[in-house]
Amino acid sequence: MHYNTVRRDLRTRLRRSPLAAIAFSLCVAFLIGCSSDPGPTPTVEPTQPSASNSPTAEAPPAPDIEVPESFFTELVISIENQEADSDLPNFDSNYREVQQWWYEAPDRLRQDREFVLPSLGAGETTTVVNSEGLQRYDNRVDLRQHSPEQLSDGPIALSLSYLIGPLYMPDVDTLIEAWADSPNADVSLDGEETILGRRTDIIKLTEYLEDGTSVGRVSRAWIDPELMWGLRNEIDDRMGGHFTTVDITALDYNQDIADQQFDFAPPEGSTEGPAPADGCNSSLLLGFDDVPGGYASMQRSEEGDDCHQLWRPEDWQEGDEEYIYLRQRVQVGGIPAELHSDSPVTGMDGLEGFRHEDGATRSLVWAQGDVVALLTSNTATFEELQQMAMSAE
């Protein structure tokens, strides 16, 4: 088996971390709606699928589980590209997002997301759910959405991907026991630390590859045992080549929240439309029929709202640097202004596009339907990137 196939196979085995699996088990055990990406994706009534990145709540957990009546919290998600033991291209793919949440039981919630270092445009989104329904505004494309959806009764979960925020488990021991069932993994207490003036227990999870000795991922979670609230996560993904931190930087628990926090009106003149779908789950994302000869798809992954895909030469070996990298997002409204350049692309059947060049790295960004896509390569020519883009459907 070729080396790059082996690496891809190993990465696939590690893709669903026990960290996410345990978070998912919490959602199942206590009927809590959780997100499956780095951002929150709660679901709301009615029963038809709600727009992604909207708030969620479901049936109340067991009586011995700590359930907040209200809270304000801020969390910061940072993803850093690591060169060591990574077959990702060595260019800046770091990511940073700040989220602020206000919640008041049973039916009021606000979530502000600031995208600080995304691939396809910085900006902010605001989502508010109150007695008048759900409103969302995305300032990256000046788009607003309104629907009659309401929060159902029950607790709020911030994320499925990370043990962050309210965990709805009775104690730290129960969480450790759940992690201890993870295959090819060791779990242990790794000390204590004070965060935001609160004592936390640190839980460490080491995941091994199938050989039982090679470490694929090391995760740590800082848990406030009194509130059973995750205050910090660290994930060292040695196969994926990324180091992720999720930090709670502010927490007001069971405190009064001013009514105006749940009042929101999108700017006048903004465009009304459906909320953009995020990640790799949308059927609207582009597929490509014409990839430069000799290249094979190696990896498909999510980072915030973006879906990523990596192509390498079919005979790629460790240390080789050739790549074609795609980032795309369903984003109504076209290309964000900061991705425009002085080199607009012509000959793309009327599609808006721009070229960028930085040393040996060439990039092509274009909008097609409700999708914004960015192709980057250190080997393919602009003509090859444009031909690839023109084959997208």
Protein backbone atom coordinates (compact mmCIF):
# COMPACT_ATOMS: atom_id res chain seq x y z
CA MET A 1 0.00 0.00 0.00
CA HIS A 2 1.35 3.42 -0.95
CA TYR A 3 2.51 5.63 1.92
CA ASN A 4 0.00 8.42 1.26
CA THR A 5 -2.81 5.83 1.24
CA VAL A 6 -1.61 4.50 4.60
CA ARG A 7 -1.51 8.01 6.09
CA ARG A 8 -4.98 8.79 4.74
CA ASP A 9 -6.32 5.49 6.18
CA LEU A 10 -4.82 6.21 9.61
CA ARG A 11 -6.27 9.70 9.61
CA THR A 12 -9.69 8.30 8.76
CA ARG A 13 -9.56 5.98 11.77
CA LEU A 14 -8.86 8.96 14.01
CA ARG A 15 -11.30 11.38 12.39
CA ARG A 16 -14.10 10.78 14.90
CA SER A 17 -12.37 11.49 18.19
CA PRO A 18 -13.69 9.98 21.44
CA LEU A 19 -13.95 13.61 22.56
CA ALA A 20 -16.69 14.14 19.97
CA ALA A 21 -18.09 10.67 20.58
CA ILE A 22 -18.48 11.32 24.31
CA ALA A 23 -20.10 14.67 23.62
CA PHE A 24 -22.48 12.90 21.24
CA SER A 25 -23.29 10.29 23.91
CA LEU A 26 -24.24 13.12 26.26
CA CYS A 27 -26.62 14.45 23.63
CA VAL A 28 -28.20 11.01 23.22
CA ALA A 29 -28.33 10.14 26.91
CA PHE A 30 -29.91 13.41 27.97
CA LEU A 31 -31.72 14.26 24.70
CA ILE A 32 -29.70 17.41 24.19
CA GLY A 33 -29.28 18.87 20.73
CA CYS A 34 -25.61 19.57 20.01
CA SER A 35 -23.49 20.80 17.16
CA SER A 36 -21.23 18.63 15.02
CA ASP A 37 -18.79 21.37 14.00
CA PRO A 38 -16.53 23.85 15.84
CA GLY A 39 -19.44 26.26 16.08
CA PRO A 40 -22.73 25.73 17.87
CA THR A 41 -25.55 24.14 15.89
CA PRO A 42 -28.57 23.78 18.14
CA THR A 43 -31.83 22.63 16.57
CA VAL A 44 -35.15 24.31 17.16
CA GLU A 45 -38.81 23.59 16.65
CA PRO A 46 -40.75 22.94 14.43
CA THR A 47 -39.66 19.40 13.57
CA GLN A 48 -38.45 20.24 10.06
CA PRO A 49 -34.65 20.69 9.86
CA SER A 50 -33.59 24.11 11.06
CA ALA A 51 -30.85 26.24 9.57
CA SER A 52 -27.37 25.32 10.73
CA ASN A 53 -25.67 27.33 13.47
CA SER A 54 -29.01 28.13 15.07
CA PRO A 55 -29.66 27.46 18.77
CA THR A 56 -30.87 24.16 20.20
CA ALA A 57 -32.67 22.69 23.18
CA GLU A 58 -34.62 19.53 23.94
CA ALA A 59 -36.12 17.47 26.78
CA PRO A 60 -34.80 18.21 30.31
CA PRO A 61 -32.09 15.89 31.68
CA ALA A 62 -32.35 13.83 34.84
CA PRO A 63 -33.05 15.76 38.08
CA ASP A 64 -29.49 15.30 39.46
CA ILE A 65 -27.93 17.09 36.47
CA GLU A 66 -26.91 20.74 36.86
CA VAL A 67 -29.03 22.84 34.48
CA PRO A 68 -28.47 26.61 34.22
CA GLU A 69 -31.44 28.96 34.32
CA SER A 70 -29.43 31.61 32.52
CA PHE A 71 -25.88 32.37 31.49
CA PHE A 72 -23.61 34.63 29.50
CA THR A 73 -20.44 33.07 28.18
CA GLU A 74 -17.70 33.86 25.70
CA LEU A 75 -15.56 31.23 24.04
CA VAL A 76 -12.62 31.46 21.65
CA ILE A 77 -11.80 28.71 19.14
CA SER A 78 -8.25 28.70 17.74
CA ILE A 79 -6.89 26.16 15.24
CA GLU A 80 -3.19 26.29 14.40
CA ASN A 81 -1.57 24.45 11.52
CA GLN A 82 1.39 22.38 12.70
CA GLU A 83 4.16 21.45 10.27
CA ALA A 84 5.38 18.42 12.18
CA ASP A 85 3.93 15.04 11.13
CA SER A 86 1.43 16.67 8.78
CA ASP A 87 0.90 16.12 5.07
CA LEU A 88 -1.08 19.36 4.78
CA PRO A 89 0.46 22.18 2.72
CA ASN A 90 2.75 24.43 4.73
CA PHE A 91 0.80 27.63 4.26
CA ASP A 92 -1.20 29.62 6.76
CA SER A 93 -4.42 27.75 7.48
CA ASN A 94 -4.90 29.02 11.00
CA TYR A 95 -8.42 29.75 12.19
CA ARG A 96 -9.85 31.85 15.01
CA GLU A 97 -13.44 32.44 16.03
CA VAL A 98 -15.03 34.21 19.01
CA GLN A 99 -18.52 33.29 20.17
CA GLN A 100 -20.71 35.04 22.73
CA TRP A 101 -23.84 33.38 24.12
CA TRP A 102 -26.70 34.78 26.20
CA TYR A 103 -29.34 32.33 27.39
CA GLU A 104 -32.38 32.65 29.62
CA ALA A 105 -34.69 29.70 30.21
CA PRO A 106 -36.93 28.64 28.75
CA ASP A 107 -37.00 30.32 25.35
CA ARG A 108 -34.55 33.21 24.89
CA LEU A 109 -31.11 32.93 23.36
CA ARG A 110 -28.59 35.08 21.53
CA GLN A 111 -25.39 34.00 19.84
CA ASP A 112 -22.81 36.35 18.29
CA ARG A 113 -20.00 34.82 16.23
CA GLU A 114 -16.95 36.77 15.09
CA PHE A 115 -14.85 35.08 12.43
CA VAL A 116 -11.38 36.52 12.99
CA LEU A 117 -9.16 34.29 10.83
CA PRO A 118 -11.33 32.29 8.44
CA SER A 119 -10.25 31.31 4.94
CA LEU A 120 -13.07 32.97 3.05
CA GLY A 121 -13.65 36.29 4.74
CA ALA A 122 -13.76 37.69 8.28
CA GLY A 123 -16.97 39.05 9.70
CA GLU A 124 -19.76 38.53 12.20
CA THR A 125 -23.08 36.74 12.51
CA THR A 126 -25.84 37.30 15.05
CA THR A 127 -28.59 34.82 15.87
CA VAL A 128 -31.45 35.65 18.26
CA VAL A 129 -34.32 33.42 19.32
CA ASN A 130 -37.16 34.93 21.34
CA SER A 131 -40.96 34.95 21.45
CA GLU A 132 -41.03 36.45 17.95
CA GLY A 133 -39.05 33.60 16.39
CA LEU A 134 -35.52 33.30 15.04
CA GLN A 135 -33.56 36.12 13.44
CA ARG A 136 -30.08 35.85 11.96
CA TYR A 137 -27.85 38.43 10.33
CA ASP A 138 -24.54 37.84 8.51
CA ASN A 139 -22.58 41.06 7.95
CA ARG A 140 -20.14 39.34 5.58
CA VAL A 141 -22.82 39.33 2.90
CA ASP A 142 -25.37 41.73 4.46
CA LEU A 143 -27.93 38.92 4.64
CA ARG A 144 -30.80 38.58 7.13
CA GLN A 145 -33.09 35.64 7.86
CA HIS A 146 -36.30 35.38 9.88
CA SER A 147 -38.38 32.33 10.76
CA PRO A 148 -41.05 31.47 13.37
CA GLU A 149 -38.84 28.82 14.99
CA GLN A 150 -38.80 28.70 18.78
CA LEU A 151 -36.62 27.01 21.36
CA SER A 152 -38.22 23.91 22.81
CA ASP A 153 -38.10 23.20 26.55
CA GLY A 154 -34.80 21.99 27.92
CA PRO A 155 -31.09 22.81 28.28
CA ILE A 156 -28.74 24.38 25.76
CA ALA A 157 -25.57 22.66 24.50
CA LEU A 158 -22.84 24.80 22.91
CA SER A 159 -21.01 22.19 20.87
CA LEU A 160 -20.78 18.51 20.04
CA SER A 161 -17.18 18.66 18.83
CA TYR A 162 -15.76 19.94 22.11
CA LEU A 163 -16.46 19.36 25.81
CA ILE A 164 -17.12 23.05 26.36
CA GLY A 165 -19.90 24.81 28.23
CA PRO A 166 -22.62 22.94 30.17
CA LEU A 167 -22.00 19.18 30.06
CA TYR A 168 -25.15 17.84 31.78
CA MET A 169 -23.32 15.03 33.54
CA PRO A 170 -23.55 14.39 37.29
CA ASP A 171 -19.81 14.54 38.04
CA VAL A 172 -16.29 14.30 36.64
CA ASP A 173 -16.03 10.59 37.51
CA THR A 174 -18.95 9.84 35.20
CA LEU A 175 -17.20 11.69 32.39
CA ILE A 176 -13.96 9.77 32.99
CA GLU A 177 -15.85 6.47 32.97
CA ALA A 178 -17.41 7.40 29.64
CA TRP A 179 -14.02 8.26 28.17
CA ALA A 180 -12.47 5.07 29.62
CA ASP A 181 -14.62 3.03 27.23
CA SER A 182 -12.91 4.59 24.20
CA PRO A 183 -10.98 1.98 22.15
CA ASN A 184 -7.21 2.39 21.76
CA ALA A 185 -7.14 5.20 24.32
CA ASP A 186 -5.95 5.99 27.83
CA VAL A 187 -7.78 8.43 30.10
CA SER A 188 -6.57 9.91 33.37
CA LEU A 189 -6.80 12.90 35.69
CA ASP A 190 -3.98 15.28 34.81
CA GLY A 191 -4.04 17.72 37.71
CA GLU A 192 -6.01 20.82 38.64
CA GLU A 193 -5.99 24.43 37.47
CA THR A 194 -7.88 27.61 38.27
CA ILE A 195 -9.66 29.27 35.34
CA LEU A 196 -11.77 32.41 35.76
CA GLY A 197 -11.39 31.99 39.51
CA ARG A 198 -12.91 28.50 39.44
CA ARG A 199 -11.14 25.23 40.23
CA THR A 200 -11.06 22.76 37.37
CA ASP A 201 -10.12 19.11 37.05
CA ILE A 202 -8.00 18.34 33.98
CA ILE A 203 -8.86 15.15 32.13
CA LYS A 204 -6.32 13.80 29.63
CA LEU A 205 -7.19 11.43 26.79
CA THR A 206 -4.43 9.86 24.69
CA GLU A 207 -5.59 8.13 21.51
CA TYR A 208 -3.39 5.56 19.81
CA LEU A 209 -3.30 4.21 16.29
CA GLU A 210 -4.19 0.60 15.74
CA ASP A 211 -0.62 -0.48 16.48
CA GLY A 212 -1.35 0.49 20.09
CA THR A 213 1.84 2.51 20.53
CA SER A 214 1.82 5.43 18.06
CA VAL A 215 0.01 8.46 19.44
CA GLY A 216 -2.49 9.99 17.04
CA ARG A 217 -4.20 12.58 19.21
CA VAL A 218 -3.90 13.96 22.75
CA SER A 219 -6.90 15.80 24.21
CA ARG A 220 -7.29 17.64 27.50
CA ALA A 221 -10.48 19.03 29.01
CA TRP A 222 -10.62 21.44 31.96
CA ILE A 223 -13.90 20.77 33.81
CA ASP A 224 -15.45 22.85 36.60
CA PRO A 225 -16.70 20.03 38.88
CA GLU A 226 -19.21 22.25 40.68
CA LEU A 227 -21.07 23.45 37.58
CA MET A 228 -19.97 20.54 35.32
CA TRP A 229 -19.01 23.15 32.78
CA GLY A 230 -16.14 22.71 30.33
CA LEU A 231 -13.88 25.77 30.60
CA ARG A 232 -11.08 24.75 28.25
CA ASN A 233 -10.23 22.11 25.63
CA GLU A 234 -6.91 21.35 23.95
CA ILE A 235 -6.64 18.88 21.08
CA ASP A 236 -3.23 17.99 19.67
CA ASP A 237 -4.10 16.19 16.43
CA ARG A 238 -0.73 14.78 15.43
CA MET A 239 -1.98 12.99 12.35
CA GLY A 240 -4.08 15.91 11.10
CA GLY A 241 -1.30 18.39 11.89
CA HIS A 242 -3.50 20.82 13.83
CA PHE A 243 -3.53 22.05 17.42
CA THR A 244 -6.93 23.28 18.61
CA THR A 245 -7.77 25.25 21.74
CA VAL A 246 -11.23 26.23 22.92
CA ASP A 247 -11.28 28.63 25.86
CA ILE A 248 -14.14 30.01 27.91
CA THR A 249 -12.96 33.58 28.52
CA ALA A 250 -16.05 34.85 30.39
CA LEU A 251 -18.85 33.20 32.34
CA ASP A 252 -21.79 34.71 34.24
CA TYR A 253 -23.81 31.80 35.57
CA ASN A 254 -27.45 32.12 36.66
CA GLN A 255 -27.21 35.91 36.53
CA ASP A 256 -29.89 38.32 35.32
CA ILE A 257 -29.60 39.24 31.63
CA ALA A 258 -30.91 42.57 30.32
CA ASP A 259 -33.94 42.23 28.06
CA GLN A 260 -32.29 44.25 25.30
CA GLN A 261 -29.75 41.44 24.73
CA PHE A 262 -32.58 39.44 23.17
CA ASP A 263 -33.87 42.31 21.05
CA PHE A 264 -32.32 42.45 17.61
CA ALA A 265 -33.14 44.16 14.34
CA PRO A 266 -30.96 43.56 11.24
CA PRO A 267 -29.74 46.72 9.51
CA GLU A 268 -32.21 48.37 7.19
CA GLY A 269 -31.51 47.64 3.55
CA SER A 270 -29.99 44.21 4.20
CA THR A 271 -30.99 41.38 1.88
CA GLU A 272 -33.51 38.83 3.15
CA GLY A 273 -32.92 35.21 2.25
CA PRO A 274 -32.21 31.69 3.53
CA ALA A 275 -29.35 31.11 5.91
CA PRO A 276 -26.20 29.80 4.20
CA ALA A 277 -25.44 26.13 4.91
CA ASP A 278 -22.00 25.52 6.41
CA GLY A 279 -19.27 22.93 6.43
CA CYS A 280 -19.16 19.95 4.06
CA ASN A 281 -22.80 18.95 4.55
CA SER A 282 -24.44 21.06 1.87
CA SER A 283 -25.57 19.56 -1.42
CA LEU A 284 -24.80 22.94 -3.01
CA LEU A 285 -21.01 22.53 -2.71
CA LEU A 286 -18.99 22.23 -5.90
CA GLY A 287 -17.55 19.08 -7.40
CA PHE A 288 -14.78 19.10 -10.03
CA ASP A 289 -14.56 17.10 -13.25
CA ASP A 290 -11.23 18.51 -14.47
CA VAL A 291 -8.30 18.20 -12.03
CA PRO A 292 -4.75 18.60 -13.39
CA GLY A 293 -3.33 15.30 -14.57
CA GLY A 294 -1.58 13.13 -12.00
CA TYR A 295 -3.37 14.60 -8.96
CA ALA A 296 -5.56 12.57 -6.60
CA SER A 297 -7.90 13.71 -3.82
CA MET A 298 -6.29 13.10 -0.42
CA GLN A 299 -8.50 14.63 2.22
CA ARG A 300 -11.81 16.40 2.83
CA SER A 301 -12.39 18.20 6.11
CA GLU A 302 -14.22 21.07 7.81
CA GLU A 303 -12.87 24.19 9.49
CA GLY A 304 -15.55 26.48 10.84
CA ASP A 305 -17.92 27.31 7.97
CA ASP A 306 -15.47 26.12 5.29
CA CYS A 307 -15.18 22.77 3.54
CA HIS A 308 -11.60 21.89 2.56
CA GLN A 309 -10.26 19.43 0.01
CA LEU A 310 -6.63 18.54 -0.71
CA TRP A 311 -5.16 17.06 -3.90
CA ARG A 312 -1.62 15.63 -4.11
CA PRO A 313 0.32 14.03 -6.98
CA GLU A 314 -0.56 10.35 -7.23
CA ASP A 315 3.10 9.44 -6.62
CA TRP A 316 3.40 11.79 -3.64
CA GLN A 317 5.92 10.85 -0.95
CA GLU A 318 6.56 12.34 2.49
CA GLY A 319 8.49 15.56 2.07
CA ASP A 320 7.00 16.38 -1.33
CA GLU A 321 5.40 19.82 -1.31
CA GLU A 322 3.16 19.83 -4.38
CA TYR A 323 -0.50 20.44 -3.67
CA ILE A 324 -3.79 21.88 -4.87
CA TYR A 325 -5.99 23.04 -2.00
CA LEU A 326 -9.66 23.98 -2.14
CA ARG A 327 -11.70 25.89 0.39
CA GLN A 328 -15.36 26.52 -0.31
CA ARG A 329 -18.42 27.75 1.56
CA VAL A 330 -22.10 28.19 0.83
CA GLN A 331 -22.32 31.97 1.18
CA VAL A 332 -25.12 33.95 -0.39
CA GLY A 333 -23.96 37.36 -1.58
CA GLY A 334 -20.77 36.64 -3.47
CA ILE A 335 -17.08 37.11 -2.72
CA PRO A 336 -16.25 39.04 0.48
CA ALA A 337 -14.63 42.39 -0.28
CA GLU A 338 -11.31 41.51 1.41
CA LEU A 339 -10.78 38.69 -1.11
CA HIS A 340 -11.03 41.03 -4.10
CA SER A 341 -7.78 41.94 -5.86
CA ASP A 342 -6.46 44.13 -8.66
CA SER A 343 -6.44 41.07 -10.95
CA PRO A 344 -10.02 40.14 -11.86
CA VAL A 345 -10.41 36.95 -13.86
CA THR A 346 -11.98 36.97 -17.31
CA GLY A 347 -13.25 34.11 -19.43
CA MET A 348 -15.21 32.32 -16.73
CA ASP A 349 -18.64 32.50 -18.41
CA GLY A 350 -19.59 35.59 -16.48
CA LEU A 351 -18.56 34.29 -13.04
CA GLU A 352 -16.90 36.80 -10.72
CA GLY A 353 -13.32 35.82 -9.85
CA PHE A 354 -9.95 37.20 -8.77
CA ARG A 355 -6.34 36.03 -8.98
CA HIS A 356 -3.77 36.30 -6.20
CA GLU A 357 -0.06 35.50 -6.30
CA ASP A 358 2.40 35.30 -3.40
CA GLY A 359 5.79 33.99 -4.43
CA ALA A 360 5.29 30.48 -5.81
CA THR A 361 1.74 30.27 -4.47
CA ARG A 362 -1.13 31.04 -6.84
CA SER A 363 -4.76 31.42 -5.79
CA LEU A 364 -8.05 31.79 -7.61
CA VAL A 365 -11.22 32.85 -5.79
CA TRP A 366 -14.59 32.88 -7.52
CA ALA A 367 -18.33 32.86 -6.82
CA GLN A 368 -20.58 30.29 -8.44
CA GLY A 369 -24.25 30.29 -7.52
CA ASP A 370 -24.39 30.56 -3.73
CA VAL A 371 -20.87 29.14 -3.29
CA VAL A 372 -17.60 31.04 -2.80
CA ALA A 373 -14.52 28.91 -3.56
CA LEU A 374 -10.76 29.44 -3.23
CA LEU A 375 -8.22 27.25 -5.05
CA THR A 376 -4.56 27.51 -3.99
CA SER A 377 -1.53 25.72 -5.42
CA ASN A 378 2.26 25.94 -5.50
CA THR A 379 2.52 23.94 -8.74
CA ALA A 380 -0.62 24.39 -10.88
CA THR A 381 -0.69 27.38 -13.22
CA PHE A 382 -3.44 30.00 -13.16
CA GLU A 383 -4.71 28.50 -16.41
CA GLU A 384 -4.98 25.05 -14.79
CA LEU A 385 -6.73 26.48 -11.73
CA GLN A 386 -9.16 28.38 -13.95
CA GLN A 387 -9.83 25.27 -16.04
CA MET A 388 -10.48 23.33 -12.84
CA ALA A 389 -12.85 26.04 -11.63
CA MET A 390 -14.72 26.03 -14.92
CA SER A 391 -15.35 22.29 -14.55
CA ALA A 392 -17.08 22.79 -11.18
CA GLU A 393 -20.74 21.88 -10.88
